[in-house]
Amino acid sequence: ASSGRSIALEVDGDPRGTWDRDRLAQLASNLVGNACQHGAAGHQVHVRVDGRHADRVRLEVRNAGVIPRELLPRVFEPLQEGGTR
């Protein structure tokens, strides 16, 4: 289902490298999908790729949503959703 959300992409520097294309696609899809699904309505999702450093590339996904403090310790554990455990 489409969220109808606007997504802005910003790329700084050179993000090229030797990457696992399938895993990066899965990671980006999950992060952007979650940002669209759980972000505050009416706000754009921002995706930033920072390739300004020779030894790393940073991917940031931001929205106007807030992750409840009690979920922060386990937010990246598999199969976590909202306030359920």
C-alpha atoms as a PDB file:
ATOM      1  CA  ALA A   1       0.000   0.000   0.000  1.00  0.00           C
ATOM      2  CA  SER A   2       1.291   3.434  -0.880  1.00  0.00           C
ATOM      3  CA  SER A   3       1.647   5.963   1.912  1.00  0.00           C
ATOM      4  CA  GLY A   4       1.389   8.894  -0.489  1.00  0.00           C
ATOM      5  CA  ARG A   5       4.388  10.307   1.330  1.00  0.00           C
ATOM      6  CA  SER A   6       6.943  12.544  -0.389  1.00  0.00           C
ATOM      7  CA  ILE A   7      10.565  11.360  -0.169  1.00  0.00           C
ATOM      8  CA  ALA A   8      13.533  13.723  -0.587  1.00  0.00           C
ATOM      9  CA  LEU A   9      16.955  12.286  -1.480  1.00  0.00           C
ATOM     10  CA  GLU A  10      20.226  14.106  -0.800  1.00  0.00           C
ATOM     11  CA  VAL A  11      23.596  12.644  -1.806  1.00  0.00           C
ATOM     12  CA  ASP A  12      26.870  14.231  -0.662  1.00  0.00           C
ATOM     13  CA  GLY A  13      30.235  13.077  -1.964  1.00  0.00           C
ATOM     14  CA  ASP A  14      30.817   9.736  -3.678  1.00  0.00           C
ATOM     15  CA  PRO A  15      28.925   6.772  -2.169  1.00  0.00           C
ATOM     16  CA  ARG A  16      30.357   4.233  -4.599  1.00  0.00           C
ATOM     17  CA  GLY A  17      31.995   1.153  -3.137  1.00  0.00           C
ATOM     18  CA  THR A  18      31.891  -2.623  -3.036  1.00  0.00           C
ATOM     19  CA  TRP A  19      28.537  -3.363  -1.444  1.00  0.00           C
ATOM     20  CA  ASP A  20      26.124  -6.265  -1.104  1.00  0.00           C
ATOM     21  CA  ARG A  21      23.464  -4.817  -3.388  1.00  0.00           C
ATOM     22  CA  ASP A  22      20.626  -7.059  -2.174  1.00  0.00           C
ATOM     23  CA  ARG A  23      21.266  -6.391   1.526  1.00  0.00           C
ATOM     24  CA  LEU A  24      21.569  -2.634   0.981  1.00  0.00           C
ATOM     25  CA  ALA A  25      18.347  -2.623  -1.023  1.00  0.00           C
ATOM     26  CA  GLN A  26      16.622  -4.529   1.795  1.00  0.00           C
ATOM     27  CA  LEU A  27      18.021  -2.156   4.425  1.00  0.00           C
ATOM     28  CA  ALA A  28      17.028   0.991   2.530  1.00  0.00           C
ATOM     29  CA  SER A  29      13.595  -0.410   1.699  1.00  0.00           C
ATOM     30  CA  ASN A  30      12.930  -1.297   5.349  1.00  0.00           C
ATOM     31  CA  LEU A  31      14.121   2.053   6.716  1.00  0.00           C
ATOM     32  CA  VAL A  32      12.290   4.178   4.150  1.00  0.00           C
ATOM     33  CA  GLY A  33       9.163   2.008   4.367  1.00  0.00           C
ATOM     34  CA  ASN A  34       9.090   2.335   8.166  1.00  0.00           C
ATOM     35  CA  ALA A  35       9.697   6.082   7.962  1.00  0.00           C
ATOM     36  CA  CYS A  36       6.774   6.423   5.553  1.00  0.00           C
ATOM     37  CA  GLN A  37       4.479   4.164   7.570  1.00  0.00           C
ATOM     38  CA  HIS A  38       5.236   5.505  11.046  1.00  0.00           C
ATOM     39  CA  GLY A  39       6.158   9.149  10.410  1.00  0.00           C
ATOM     40  CA  ALA A  40       3.899  12.068  11.197  1.00  0.00           C
ATOM     41  CA  ALA A  41       1.235  12.570   8.531  1.00  0.00           C
ATOM     42  CA  GLY A  42       1.845  15.369   6.059  1.00  0.00           C
ATOM     43  CA  HIS A  43       5.622  15.404   6.566  1.00  0.00           C
ATOM     44  CA  GLN A  44       8.269  14.486   4.031  1.00  0.00           C
ATOM     45  CA  VAL A  45      10.715  11.617   4.576  1.00  0.00           C
ATOM     46  CA  HIS A  46      14.355  12.668   4.109  1.00  0.00           C
ATOM     47  CA  VAL A  47      16.976  10.204   2.882  1.00  0.00           C
ATOM     48  CA  ARG A  48      20.596  11.351   2.999  1.00  0.00           C
ATOM     49  CA  VAL A  49      23.611   9.445   1.696  1.00  0.00           C
ATOM     50  CA  ASP A  50      26.942  10.846   2.874  1.00  0.00           C
ATOM     51  CA  GLY A  51      29.901   9.607   0.847  1.00  0.00           C
ATOM     52  CA  ARG A  52      32.311  12.392   1.774  1.00  0.00           C
ATOM     53  CA  HIS A  53      34.670  10.084   3.711  1.00  0.00           C
ATOM     54  CA  ALA A  54      36.936   7.611   1.909  1.00  0.00           C
ATOM     55  CA  ASP A  55      36.474   4.847   4.529  1.00  0.00           C
ATOM     56  CA  ARG A  56      32.691   4.860   4.997  1.00  0.00           C
ATOM     57  CA  VAL A  57      29.299   5.842   3.663  1.00  0.00           C
ATOM     58  CA  ARG A  58      26.506   6.945   5.963  1.00  0.00           C
ATOM     59  CA  LEU A  59      22.796   6.474   5.236  1.00  0.00           C
ATOM     60  CA  GLU A  60      20.298   8.551   7.208  1.00  0.00           C
ATOM     61  CA  VAL A  61      16.521   8.252   7.013  1.00  0.00           C
ATOM     62  CA  ARG A  62      14.498  10.870   8.883  1.00  0.00           C
ATOM     63  CA  ASN A  63      10.844  11.617   9.355  1.00  0.00           C
ATOM     64  CA  ALA A  64       8.803  13.787  11.675  1.00  0.00           C
ATOM     65  CA  GLY A  65       7.810  10.837  13.851  1.00  0.00           C
ATOM     66  CA  VAL A  66       8.954  10.078  17.391  1.00  0.00           C
ATOM     67  CA  ILE A  67      10.030   6.661  18.648  1.00  0.00           C
ATOM     68  CA  PRO A  68       8.757   6.166  22.200  1.00  0.00           C
ATOM     69  CA  ARG A  69      11.676   6.094  24.674  1.00  0.00           C
ATOM     70  CA  GLU A  70      10.720   2.641  25.973  1.00  0.00           C
ATOM     71  CA  LEU A  71      11.124   1.148  22.474  1.00  0.00           C
ATOM     72  CA  LEU A  72      14.603   2.562  21.789  1.00  0.00           C
ATOM     73  CA  PRO A  73      16.574  -0.316  23.414  1.00  0.00           C
ATOM     74  CA  ARG A  74      14.953  -2.877  21.094  1.00  0.00           C
ATOM     75  CA  VAL A  75      13.876  -0.889  18.037  1.00  0.00           C
ATOM     76  CA  PHE A  76      16.282  -2.747  15.713  1.00  0.00           C
ATOM     77  CA  GLU A  77      15.566  -6.230  17.026  1.00  0.00           C
ATOM     78  CA  PRO A  78      13.872  -8.442  14.412  1.00  0.00           C
ATOM     79  CA  LEU A  79      10.079  -8.615  14.373  1.00  0.00           C
ATOM     80  CA  GLN A  80       9.491  -5.622  16.655  1.00  0.00           C
ATOM     81  CA  GLU A  81       6.515  -3.420  15.878  1.00  0.00           C
ATOM     82  CA  GLY A  82       5.046  -0.501  17.760  1.00  0.00           C
ATOM     83  CA  GLY A  83       4.450  -1.198  21.439  1.00  0.00           C
ATOM     84  CA  THR A  84       4.121  -4.979  21.134  1.00  0.00           C
ATOM     85  CA  ARG A  85       6.602  -7.560  22.296  1.00  0.00           C
END
